[in-house]
C-alpha cells in the first residue's frame, strides 16, 4: 500500500514540480497545502484567487476542507498557458 506522504518529483525537463505519492504516481486529489507547494504560492494568494473566481475548481468536503482534482488543476493550468508559436 503506498504511503500518503507527498514528496517532490524532481524529474528533469519538467517546468513545475509535481507532488507524487511514494510509489511514484500522482494523486487524484490534492490538499490545499499540496496545491500551494506545487504552484509555489501562499495560502493567502490561493484564497485571494478563489475570492476573485480565478482559482482552480475546488471540492469542499463535509468537514470544510478543500480538495482539488488533479484533472481540474491540469485543465486550469492549460487554460493559462501562453502560446509561443
PDB file of N, CA and C in Angstrom:
ATOM      1  N   UNK A   1       0.843  -1.185   0.000  1.00  0.00           N
ATOM      2  CA  UNK A   1       0.000   0.000   0.000  1.00  0.00           C
ATOM      3  C   UNK A   1       0.888   1.247   0.000  1.00  0.00           C
ATOM      4  N   UNK A   2       0.672   2.175  -0.933  1.00  0.00           N
ATOM      5  CA  UNK A   2       1.513   3.371  -0.983  1.00  0.00           C
ATOM      6  C   UNK A   2       1.233   4.284   0.199  1.00  0.00           C
ATOM      7  N   UNK A   3       2.253   4.987   0.620  1.00  0.00           N
ATOM      8  CA  UNK A   3       2.059   5.955   1.698  1.00  0.00           C
ATOM      9  C   UNK A   3       1.377   7.188   1.140  1.00  0.00           C
ATOM     10  N   UNK A   4       0.786   7.965   1.993  1.00  0.00           N
ATOM     11  CA  UNK A   4       0.082   9.156   1.554  1.00  0.00           C
ATOM     12  C   UNK A   4       0.915  10.406   1.754  1.00  0.00           C
ATOM     13  N   UNK A   5       2.164  10.228   2.140  1.00  0.00           N
ATOM     14  CA  UNK A   5       3.044  11.362   2.347  1.00  0.00           C
ATOM     15  C   UNK A   5       3.552  11.857   0.997  1.00  0.00           C
ATOM     16  N   UNK A   6       3.294  13.113   0.650  1.00  0.00           N
ATOM     17  CA  UNK A   6       3.752  13.620  -0.643  1.00  0.00           C
ATOM     18  C   UNK A   6       5.250  13.895  -0.635  1.00  0.00           C
ATOM     19  N   UNK A   7       5.848  13.777  -1.794  1.00  0.00           N
ATOM     20  CA  UNK A   7       7.237  14.176  -1.964  1.00  0.00           C
ATOM     21  C   UNK A   7       7.336  14.884  -3.302  1.00  0.00           C
ATOM     22  N   UNK A   8       8.369  15.635  -3.471  1.00  0.00           N
ATOM     23  CA  UNK A   8       8.528  16.359  -4.728  1.00  0.00           C
ATOM     24  C   UNK A   8       9.154  15.468  -5.772  1.00  0.00           C
ATOM     25  N   UNK A   9       8.686  15.586  -6.969  1.00  0.00           N
ATOM     26  CA  UNK A   9       9.221  14.840  -8.091  1.00  0.00           C
ATOM     27  C   UNK A   9      10.160  15.776  -8.840  1.00  0.00           C
ATOM     28  N   UNK A  10      11.446  15.531  -8.757  1.00  0.00           N
ATOM     29  CA  UNK A  10      12.434  16.409  -9.369  1.00  0.00           C
ATOM     30  C   UNK A  10      12.936  15.863 -10.700  1.00  0.00           C
ATOM     31  N   UNK A  11      12.018  15.360 -11.510  1.00  0.00           N
ATOM     32  CA  UNK A  11      12.396  14.821 -12.809  1.00  0.00           C
ATOM     33  C   UNK A  11      12.910  15.932 -13.705  1.00  0.00           C
ATOM     34  N   UNK A  12      13.996  15.679 -14.450  1.00  0.00           N
ATOM     35  CA  UNK A  12      14.497  16.710 -15.355  1.00  0.00           C
ATOM     36  C   UNK A  12      13.506  16.969 -16.481  1.00  0.00           C
ATOM     37  N   UNK A  13      13.489  18.185 -16.961  1.00  0.00           N
ATOM     38  CA  UNK A  13      12.648  18.525 -18.096  1.00  0.00           C
ATOM     39  C   UNK A  13      11.260  19.002 -17.722  1.00  0.00           C
ATOM     40  N   UNK A  14      10.906  18.954 -16.464  1.00  0.00           N
ATOM     41  CA  UNK A  14       9.598  19.434 -16.040  1.00  0.00           C
ATOM     42  C   UNK A  14       9.715  20.894 -15.642  1.00  0.00           C
ATOM     43  N   UNK A  15       8.699  21.676 -16.008  1.00  0.00           N
ATOM     44  CA  UNK A  15       8.742  23.090 -15.665  1.00  0.00           C
ATOM     45  C   UNK A  15       8.235  23.341 -14.255  1.00  0.00           C
ATOM     46  N   UNK A  16       7.383  22.448 -13.719  1.00  0.00           N
ATOM     47  CA  UNK A  16       6.921  22.577 -12.350  1.00  0.00           C
ATOM     48  C   UNK A  16       7.087  21.241 -11.653  1.00  0.00           C
ATOM     49  N   UNK A  17       7.328  21.294 -10.360  1.00  0.00           N
ATOM     50  CA  UNK A  17       7.408  20.068  -9.581  1.00  0.00           C
ATOM     51  C   UNK A  17       6.000  19.546  -9.352  1.00  0.00           C
ATOM     52  N   UNK A  18       5.855  18.234  -9.385  1.00  0.00           N
ATOM     53  CA  UNK A  18       4.574  17.605  -9.120  1.00  0.00           C
ATOM     54  C   UNK A  18       4.677  16.812  -7.839  1.00  0.00           C
ATOM     55  N   UNK A  19       3.650  16.875  -7.034  1.00  0.00           N
ATOM     56  CA  UNK A  19       3.612  16.052  -5.841  1.00  0.00           C
ATOM     57  C   UNK A  19       3.182  14.650  -6.238  1.00  0.00           C
ATOM     58  N   UNK A  20       3.921  13.683  -5.773  1.00  0.00           N
ATOM     59  CA  UNK A  20       3.606  12.294  -6.078  1.00  0.00           C
ATOM     60  C   UNK A  20       3.639  11.496  -4.784  1.00  0.00           C
ATOM     61  N   UNK A  21       2.885  10.403  -4.752  1.00  0.00           N
ATOM     62  CA  UNK A  21       2.932   9.533  -3.585  1.00  0.00           C
ATOM     63  C   UNK A  21       4.176   8.672  -3.690  1.00  0.00           C
ATOM     64  N   UNK A  22       4.503   7.953  -2.626  1.00  0.00           N
ATOM     65  CA  UNK A  22       5.767   7.232  -2.538  1.00  0.00           C
ATOM     66  C   UNK A  22       5.972   6.223  -3.662  1.00  0.00           C
ATOM     67  N   UNK A  23       4.888   5.702  -4.267  1.00  0.00           N
ATOM     68  CA  UNK A  23       5.068   4.731  -5.349  1.00  0.00           C
ATOM     69  C   UNK A  23       5.306   5.393  -6.699  1.00  0.00           C
ATOM     70  N   UNK A  24       5.376   6.734  -6.742  1.00  0.00           N
ATOM     71  CA  UNK A  24       5.721   7.447  -7.967  1.00  0.00           C
ATOM     72  C   UNK A  24       4.529   7.909  -8.789  1.00  0.00           C
ATOM     73  N   UNK A  25       3.301   7.640  -8.357  1.00  0.00           N
ATOM     74  CA  UNK A  25       2.126   8.072  -9.107  1.00  0.00           C
ATOM     75  C   UNK A  25       1.601   9.374  -8.530  1.00  0.00           C
ATOM     76  N   UNK A  26       0.965  10.182  -9.375  1.00  0.00           N
ATOM     77  CA  UNK A  26       0.396  11.425  -8.849  1.00  0.00           C
ATOM     78  C   UNK A  26      -0.980  11.129  -8.253  1.00  0.00           C
ATOM     79  N   UNK A  27      -1.387  11.965  -7.326  1.00  0.00           N
ATOM     80  CA  UNK A  27      -2.644  11.765  -6.617  1.00  0.00           C
ATOM     81  C   UNK A  27      -3.802  12.347  -7.405  1.00  0.00           C
ATOM     82  N   UNK A  28      -4.973  11.715  -7.291  1.00  0.00           N
ATOM     83  CA  UNK A  28      -6.166  12.189  -7.986  1.00  0.00           C
ATOM     84  C   UNK A  28      -6.683  13.488  -7.372  1.00  0.00           C
ATOM     85  N   UNK A  29      -6.497  13.657  -6.052  1.00  0.00           N
ATOM     86  CA  UNK A  29      -6.942  14.858  -5.359  1.00  0.00           C
ATOM     87  C   UNK A  29      -5.772  15.455  -4.596  1.00  0.00           C
ATOM     88  N   UNK A  30      -5.683  16.777  -4.607  1.00  0.00           N
ATOM     89  CA  UNK A  30      -4.642  17.481  -3.871  1.00  0.00           C
ATOM     90  C   UNK A  30      -5.268  18.220  -2.700  1.00  0.00           C
ATOM     91  N   UNK A  31      -4.545  18.290  -1.609  1.00  0.00           N
ATOM     92  CA  UNK A  31      -4.961  19.142  -0.499  1.00  0.00           C
ATOM     93  C   UNK A  31      -4.558  20.573  -0.850  1.00  0.00           C
ATOM     94  N   UNK A  32      -5.057  21.513  -0.087  1.00  0.00           N
ATOM     95  CA  UNK A  32      -4.694  22.909  -0.319  1.00  0.00           C
ATOM     96  C   UNK A  32      -3.201  23.122  -0.121  1.00  0.00           C
ATOM     97  N   UNK A  33      -2.630  22.494   0.906  1.00  0.00           N
ATOM     98  CA  UNK A  33      -1.191  22.626   1.132  1.00  0.00           C
ATOM     99  C   UNK A  33      -0.393  22.070  -0.047  1.00  0.00           C
ATOM    100  N   UNK A  34      -0.803  20.928  -0.587  1.00  0.00           N
ATOM    101  CA  UNK A  34      -0.105  20.329  -1.728  1.00  0.00           C
ATOM    102  C   UNK A  34      -0.205  21.223  -2.956  1.00  0.00           C
ATOM    103  N   UNK A  35      -1.377  21.816  -3.178  1.00  0.00           N
ATOM    104  CA  UNK A  35      -1.555  22.729  -4.305  1.00  0.00           C
ATOM    105  C   UNK A  35      -0.634  23.933  -4.166  1.00  0.00           C
ATOM    106  N   UNK A  36      -0.586  24.502  -2.966  1.00  0.00           N
ATOM    107  CA  UNK A  36       0.254  25.686  -2.742  1.00  0.00           C
ATOM    108  C   UNK A  36       1.732  25.358  -2.940  1.00  0.00           C
ATOM    109  N   UNK A  37       2.151  24.173  -2.513  1.00  0.00           N
ATOM    110  CA  UNK A  37       3.544  23.761  -2.732  1.00  0.00           C
ATOM    111  C   UNK A  37       3.817  23.614  -4.222  1.00  0.00           C
ATOM    112  N   UNK A  38       2.907  22.957  -4.928  1.00  0.00           N
ATOM    113  CA  UNK A  38       3.114  22.720  -6.354  1.00  0.00           C
ATOM    114  C   UNK A  38       3.161  24.016  -7.156  1.00  0.00           C
ATOM    115  N   UNK A  39       2.270  24.942  -6.836  1.00  0.00           N
ATOM    116  CA  UNK A  39       2.229  26.210  -7.570  1.00  0.00           C
ATOM    117  C   UNK A  39       3.178  27.256  -6.995  1.00  0.00           C
ATOM    118  N   UNK A  40       3.796  26.944  -5.872  1.00  0.00           N
ATOM    119  CA  UNK A  40       4.716  27.843  -5.183  1.00  0.00           C
ATOM    120  C   UNK A  40       4.045  29.179  -4.868  1.00  0.00           C
ATOM    121  N   UNK A  41       2.867  29.058  -4.228  1.00  0.00           N
ATOM    122  CA  UNK A  41       2.106  30.229  -3.801  1.00  0.00           C
ATOM    123  C   UNK A  41       1.765  30.074  -2.323  1.00  0.00           C
ATOM    124  N   UNK A  42       1.374  31.162  -1.711  1.00  0.00           N
ATOM    125  CA  UNK A  42       0.944  31.115  -0.314  1.00  0.00           C
ATOM    126  C   UNK A  42      -0.556  30.797  -0.259  1.00  0.00           C
ATOM    127  N   UNK A  43      -0.998  30.399   0.932  1.00  0.00           N
ATOM    128  CA  UNK A  43      -2.429  30.147   1.119  1.00  0.00           C
ATOM    129  C   UNK A  43      -3.222  31.432   0.873  1.00  0.00           C
ATOM    130  N   UNK A  44      -2.684  32.553   1.314  1.00  0.00           N
ATOM    131  CA  UNK A  44      -3.410  33.813   1.139  1.00  0.00           C
ATOM    132  C   UNK A  44      -3.576  34.150  -0.347  1.00  0.00           C
ATOM    133  N   UNK A  45      -2.581  33.839  -1.157  1.00  0.00           N
ATOM    134  CA  UNK A  45      -2.703  34.054  -2.599  1.00  0.00           C
ATOM    135  C   UNK A  45      -3.805  33.169  -3.166  1.00  0.00           C
ATOM    136  N   UNK A  46      -3.813  31.897  -2.742  1.00  0.00           N
ATOM    137  CA  UNK A  46      -4.862  30.998  -3.226  1.00  0.00           C
ATOM    138  C   UNK A  46      -6.239  31.534  -2.849  1.00  0.00           C
ATOM    139  N   UNK A  47      -6.425  31.934  -1.582  1.00  0.00           N
ATOM    140  CA  UNK A  47      -7.736  32.426  -1.157  1.00  0.00           C
ATOM    141  C   UNK A  47      -8.111  33.721  -1.874  1.00  0.00           C
ATOM    142  N   UNK A  48      -7.126  34.550  -2.202  1.00  0.00           N
ATOM    143  CA  UNK A  48      -7.381  35.762  -2.990  1.00  0.00           C
ATOM    144  C   UNK A  48      -7.876  35.380  -4.379  1.00  0.00           C
ATOM    145  N   UNK A  49      -7.194  34.430  -5.027  1.00  0.00           N
ATOM    146  CA  UNK A  49      -7.636  33.947  -6.342  1.00  0.00           C
ATOM    147  C   UNK A  49      -9.040  33.368  -6.261  1.00  0.00           C
ATOM    148  N   UNK A  50      -9.298  32.603  -5.197  1.00  0.00           N
ATOM    149  CA  UNK A  50     -10.608  31.953  -5.056  1.00  0.00           C
ATOM    150  C   UNK A  50     -11.701  33.004  -4.884  1.00  0.00           C
ATOM    151  N   UNK A  51     -11.440  34.056  -4.107  1.00  0.00           N
ATOM    152  CA  UNK A  51     -12.420  35.129  -3.918  1.00  0.00           C
ATOM    153  C   UNK A  51     -12.716  35.842  -5.236  1.00  0.00           C
ATOM    154  N   UNK A  52     -11.707  35.927  -6.090  1.00  0.00           N
ATOM    155  CA  UNK A  52     -11.869  36.581  -7.393  1.00  0.00           C
ATOM    156  C   UNK A  52     -12.331  35.602  -8.478  1.00  0.00           C
ATOM    157  N   UNK A  53     -12.594  34.351  -8.085  1.00  0.00           N
ATOM    158  CA  UNK A  53     -13.013  33.282  -9.002  1.00  0.00           C
ATOM    159  C   UNK A  53     -11.964  33.023 -10.088  1.00  0.00           C
ATOM    160  N   UNK A  54     -10.693  33.096  -9.701  1.00  0.00           N
ATOM    161  CA  UNK A  54      -9.576  32.849 -10.611  1.00  0.00           C
ATOM    162  C   UNK A  54      -8.826  31.567 -10.261  1.00  0.00           C
ATOM    163  N   UNK A  55      -9.216  30.900  -9.182  1.00  0.00           N
ATOM    164  CA  UNK A  55      -8.523  29.694  -8.712  1.00  0.00           C
ATOM    165  C   UNK A  55      -9.064  28.459  -9.433  1.00  0.00           C
ATOM    166  N   UNK A  56      -8.309  27.359  -9.397  1.00  0.00           N
ATOM    167  CA  UNK A  56      -8.834  26.116  -9.950  1.00  0.00           C
ATOM    168  C   UNK A  56     -10.079  25.670  -9.175  1.00  0.00           C
ATOM    169  N   UNK A  57     -10.902  24.910  -9.839  1.00  0.00           N
ATOM    170  CA  UNK A  57     -12.127  24.402  -9.241  1.00  0.00           C
ATOM    171  C   UNK A  57     -11.816  23.543  -8.012  1.00  0.00           C
ATOM    172  N   UNK A  58     -12.573  23.723  -6.945  1.00  0.00           N
ATOM    173  CA  UNK A  58     -12.326  23.009  -5.688  1.00  0.00           C
ATOM    174  C   UNK A  58     -13.559  22.231  -5.251  1.00  0.00           C
ATOM    175  N   UNK A  59     -13.295  21.199  -4.475  1.00  0.00           N
ATOM    176  CA  UNK A  59     -14.354  20.458  -3.804  1.00  0.00           C
ATOM    177  C   UNK A  59     -14.276  20.803  -2.323  1.00  0.00           C
ATOM    178  N   UNK A  60     -15.414  21.055  -1.701  1.00  0.00           N
ATOM    179  CA  UNK A  60     -15.444  21.294  -0.267  1.00  0.00           C
ATOM    180  C   UNK A  60     -15.974  20.037   0.404  1.00  0.00           C
ATOM    181  N   UNK A  61     -15.170  19.464   1.275  1.00  0.00           N
ATOM    182  CA  UNK A  61     -15.552  18.265   1.997  1.00  0.00           C
ATOM    183  C   UNK A  61     -16.508  18.621   3.127  1.00  0.00           C
ATOM    184  N   UNK A  62     -17.250  17.636   3.655  1.00  0.00           N
ATOM    185  CA  UNK A  62     -18.181  17.929   4.753  1.00  0.00           C
ATOM    186  C   UNK A  62     -17.519  18.577   5.969  1.00  0.00           C
ATOM    187  N   UNK A  63     -16.218  18.331   6.175  1.00  0.00           N
ATOM    188  CA  UNK A  63     -15.527  18.958   7.308  1.00  0.00           C
ATOM    189  C   UNK A  63     -15.015  20.362   6.973  1.00  0.00           C
ATOM    190  N   UNK A  64     -15.319  20.862   5.767  1.00  0.00           N
ATOM    191  CA  UNK A  64     -14.940  22.211   5.367  1.00  0.00           C
ATOM    192  C   UNK A  64     -13.604  22.315   4.669  1.00  0.00           C
ATOM    193  N   UNK A  65     -12.837  21.232   4.626  1.00  0.00           N
ATOM    194  CA  UNK A  65     -11.532  21.260   3.956  1.00  0.00           C
ATOM    195  C   UNK A  65     -11.714  21.207   2.444  1.00  0.00           C
ATOM    196  N   UNK A  66     -10.740  21.754   1.743  1.00  0.00           N
ATOM    197  CA  UNK A  66     -10.791  21.805   0.286  1.00  0.00           C
ATOM    198  C   UNK A  66      -9.932  20.713  -0.329  1.00  0.00           C
ATOM    199  N   UNK A  67     -10.369  20.214  -1.477  1.00  0.00           N
ATOM    200  CA  UNK A  67      -9.583  19.295  -2.294  1.00  0.00           C
ATOM    201  C   UNK A  67      -9.681  19.778  -3.731  1.00  0.00           C
ATOM    202  N   UNK A  68      -8.595  19.577  -4.472  1.00  0.00           N
ATOM    203  CA  UNK A  68      -8.548  19.985  -5.875  1.00  0.00           C
ATOM    204  C   UNK A  68      -8.242  18.746  -6.699  1.00  0.00           C
ATOM    205  N   UNK A  69      -9.094  18.459  -7.675  1.00  0.00           N
ATOM    206  CA  UNK A  69      -8.844  17.317  -8.559  1.00  0.00           C
ATOM    207  C   UNK A  69      -7.628  17.620  -9.424  1.00  0.00           C
ATOM    208  N   UNK A  70      -6.767  16.639  -9.592  1.00  0.00           N
ATOM    209  CA  UNK A  70      -5.589  16.782 -10.452  1.00  0.00           C
ATOM    210  C   UNK A  70      -6.028  17.190 -11.864  1.00  0.00           C
ATOM    211  N   UNK A  71      -7.079  16.557 -12.382  1.00  0.00           N
ATOM    212  CA  UNK A  71      -7.553  16.874 -13.732  1.00  0.00           C
ATOM    213  C   UNK A  71      -8.019  18.327 -13.826  1.00  0.00           C
ATOM    214  N   UNK A  72      -8.698  18.828 -12.793  1.00  0.00           N
ATOM    215  CA  UNK A  72      -9.143  20.225 -12.787  1.00  0.00           C
ATOM    216  C   UNK A  72      -7.955  21.181 -12.738  1.00  0.00           C
ATOM    217  N   UNK A  73      -6.934  20.831 -11.971  1.00  0.00           N
ATOM    218  CA  UNK A  73      -5.737  21.664 -11.913  1.00  0.00           C
ATOM    219  C   UNK A  73      -5.037  21.690 -13.268  1.00  0.00           C
ATOM    220  N   UNK A  74      -4.894  20.529 -13.886  1.00  0.00           N
ATOM    221  CA  UNK A  74      -4.247  20.467 -15.203  1.00  0.00           C
ATOM    222  C   UNK A  74      -5.017  21.285 -16.237  1.00  0.00           C
ATOM    223  N   UNK A  75      -6.340  21.183 -16.224  1.00  0.00           N
ATOM    224  CA  UNK A  75      -7.172  21.967 -17.145  1.00  0.00           C
ATOM    225  C   UNK A  75      -6.996  23.459 -16.887  1.00  0.00           C
ATOM    226  N   UNK A  76      -6.994  23.844 -15.616  1.00  0.00           N
ATOM    227  CA  UNK A  76      -6.830  25.241 -15.230  1.00  0.00           C
ATOM    228  C   UNK A  76      -5.475  25.776 -15.686  1.00  0.00           C
ATOM    229  N   UNK A  77      -4.427  24.981 -15.502  1.00  0.00           N
ATOM    230  CA  UNK A  77      -3.085  25.398 -15.923  1.00  0.00           C
ATOM    231  C   UNK A  77      -2.987  25.505 -17.437  1.00  0.00           C
ATOM    232  N   UNK A  78      -3.557  24.541 -18.159  1.00  0.00           N
ATOM    233  CA  UNK A  78      -3.520  24.567 -19.625  1.00  0.00           C
ATOM    234  C   UNK A  78      -4.245  25.783 -20.178  1.00  0.00           C
ATOM    235  N   UNK A  79      -5.328  26.201 -19.528  1.00  0.00           N
ATOM    236  CA  UNK A  79      -6.080  27.372 -19.974  1.00  0.00           C
ATOM    237  C   UNK A  79      -5.266  28.658 -19.796  1.00  0.00           C
ATOM    238  N   UNK A  80      -4.265  28.624 -18.936  1.00  0.00           N
ATOM    239  CA  UNK A  80      -3.453  29.807 -18.678  1.00  0.00           C
ATOM    240  C   UNK A  80      -2.104  29.793 -19.377  1.00  0.00           C
ATOM    241  N   UNK A  81      -1.834  28.768 -20.137  1.00  0.00           N
ATOM    242  CA  UNK A  81      -0.534  28.715 -20.825  1.00  0.00           C
ATOM    243  C   UNK A  81      -0.545  29.682 -22.009  1.00  0.00           C
ATOM    244  N   UNK A  82       0.614  30.236 -22.258  1.00  0.00           N
ATOM    245  CA  UNK A  82       0.749  31.189 -23.357  1.00  0.00           C
ATOM    246  C   UNK A  82       1.206  30.451 -24.594  1.00  0.00           C
ATOM    247  N   UNK A  83       0.659  30.833 -25.728  1.00  0.00           N
ATOM    248  CA  UNK A  83       1.104  30.247 -26.995  1.00  0.00           C
ATOM    249  C   UNK A  83       2.354  30.967 -27.441  1.00  0.00           C
ATOM    250  N   UNK A  84       3.424  30.222 -27.639  1.00  0.00           N
ATOM    251  CA  UNK A  84       4.681  30.839 -28.060  1.00  0.00           C
ATOM    252  C   UNK A  84       4.905  30.691 -29.555  1.00  0.00           C
ATOM    253  N   UNK A  85       3.956  30.091 -30.249  1.00  0.00           N
ATOM    254  CA  UNK A  85       4.118  29.871 -31.687  1.00  0.00           C
ATOM    255  C   UNK A  85       3.817  31.107 -32.497  1.00  0.00           C
TER     256      UNK A  85
END
